[in-house]
Amino acid sequence: MAKSAKKLKVTLIKSLNARLQSHKDCARGLGLTRIRSSVEVDGDDPCIQGMIKKINYLIDVKEV
């Protein structure tokens, strides 16, 4: 039986202007390009969890 992967919907809610370059890179790595853009990512991946944790003040995360 296939294991169902936990999916997360990540939405950028604040601007990336005047942010640290590493925080901008995390947002770009997640696929977030502009305010109110959303992506669905795999929530089980430790790399994704680390990027979300690093820029949690810029994004809104919901489980799908």
Protein backbone atom coordinates (compact mmCIF):
# COMPACT_ATOMS: atom_id res chain seq x y z
CA MET A 1 0.00 0.00 0.00
CA ALA A 2 1.37 3.44 -0.95
CA LYS A 3 2.20 5.86 1.82
CA SER A 4 0.33 9.14 1.41
CA ALA A 5 2.75 12.06 1.49
CA LYS A 6 1.83 15.07 3.57
CA LYS A 7 1.25 18.04 1.26
CA LEU A 8 1.55 21.64 2.40
CA LYS A 9 0.22 24.74 0.66
CA VAL A 10 2.72 27.58 1.16
CA THR A 11 1.71 31.18 0.37
CA LEU A 12 3.99 34.21 0.40
CA ILE A 13 2.25 36.92 2.44
CA LYS A 14 5.01 39.52 2.89
CA SER A 15 7.40 41.16 0.47
CA LEU A 16 10.92 39.89 -0.10
CA ASN A 17 12.30 43.42 -0.40
CA ALA A 18 14.89 44.37 2.23
CA ARG A 19 15.25 40.76 3.44
CA LEU A 20 18.42 38.75 3.89
CA GLN A 21 19.64 37.13 0.69
CA SER A 22 19.44 33.68 2.29
CA HIS A 23 15.75 34.26 3.08
CA LYS A 24 15.09 35.38 -0.50
CA ASP A 25 16.86 32.24 -1.73
CA CYS A 26 14.65 30.04 0.48
CA ALA A 27 11.51 31.64 -0.93
CA ARG A 28 12.77 31.16 -4.49
CA GLY A 29 13.73 27.58 -3.67
CA LEU A 30 10.18 26.89 -2.56
CA GLY A 31 8.90 28.39 -5.82
CA LEU A 32 7.47 31.59 -4.34
CA THR A 33 8.00 34.54 -6.65
CA ARG A 34 5.55 37.27 -5.66
CA ILE A 35 3.14 38.18 -2.88
CA ARG A 36 0.07 35.90 -2.72
CA SER A 37 1.74 33.26 -4.89
CA SER A 38 1.13 29.71 -3.62
CA VAL A 39 2.79 26.36 -4.14
CA GLU A 40 2.10 22.85 -2.90
CA VAL A 41 5.16 21.10 -1.50
CA ASP A 42 5.92 17.75 0.10
CA GLY A 43 5.85 18.31 3.87
CA ASP A 44 7.88 15.18 4.72
CA ASP A 45 11.13 16.44 3.17
CA PRO A 46 13.58 17.80 5.79
CA CYS A 47 14.97 20.35 3.30
CA ILE A 48 11.51 21.82 2.71
CA GLN A 49 10.79 21.88 6.44
CA GLY A 50 14.04 23.78 7.05
CA MET A 51 13.23 26.40 4.40
CA ILE A 52 9.72 26.85 5.80
CA LYS A 53 11.08 27.24 9.32
CA LYS A 54 13.65 29.81 8.17
CA ILE A 55 11.12 32.13 6.50
CA ASN A 56 8.05 31.39 8.64
CA TYR A 57 7.49 35.12 9.23
CA LEU A 58 7.04 35.69 5.47
CA ILE A 59 4.71 32.82 4.63
CA ASP A 60 1.41 31.15 5.50
CA VAL A 61 1.42 27.35 5.63
CA LYS A 62 -1.68 25.14 5.44
CA GLU A 63 -1.98 21.38 5.21
CA VAL A 64 -3.79 20.16 2.10
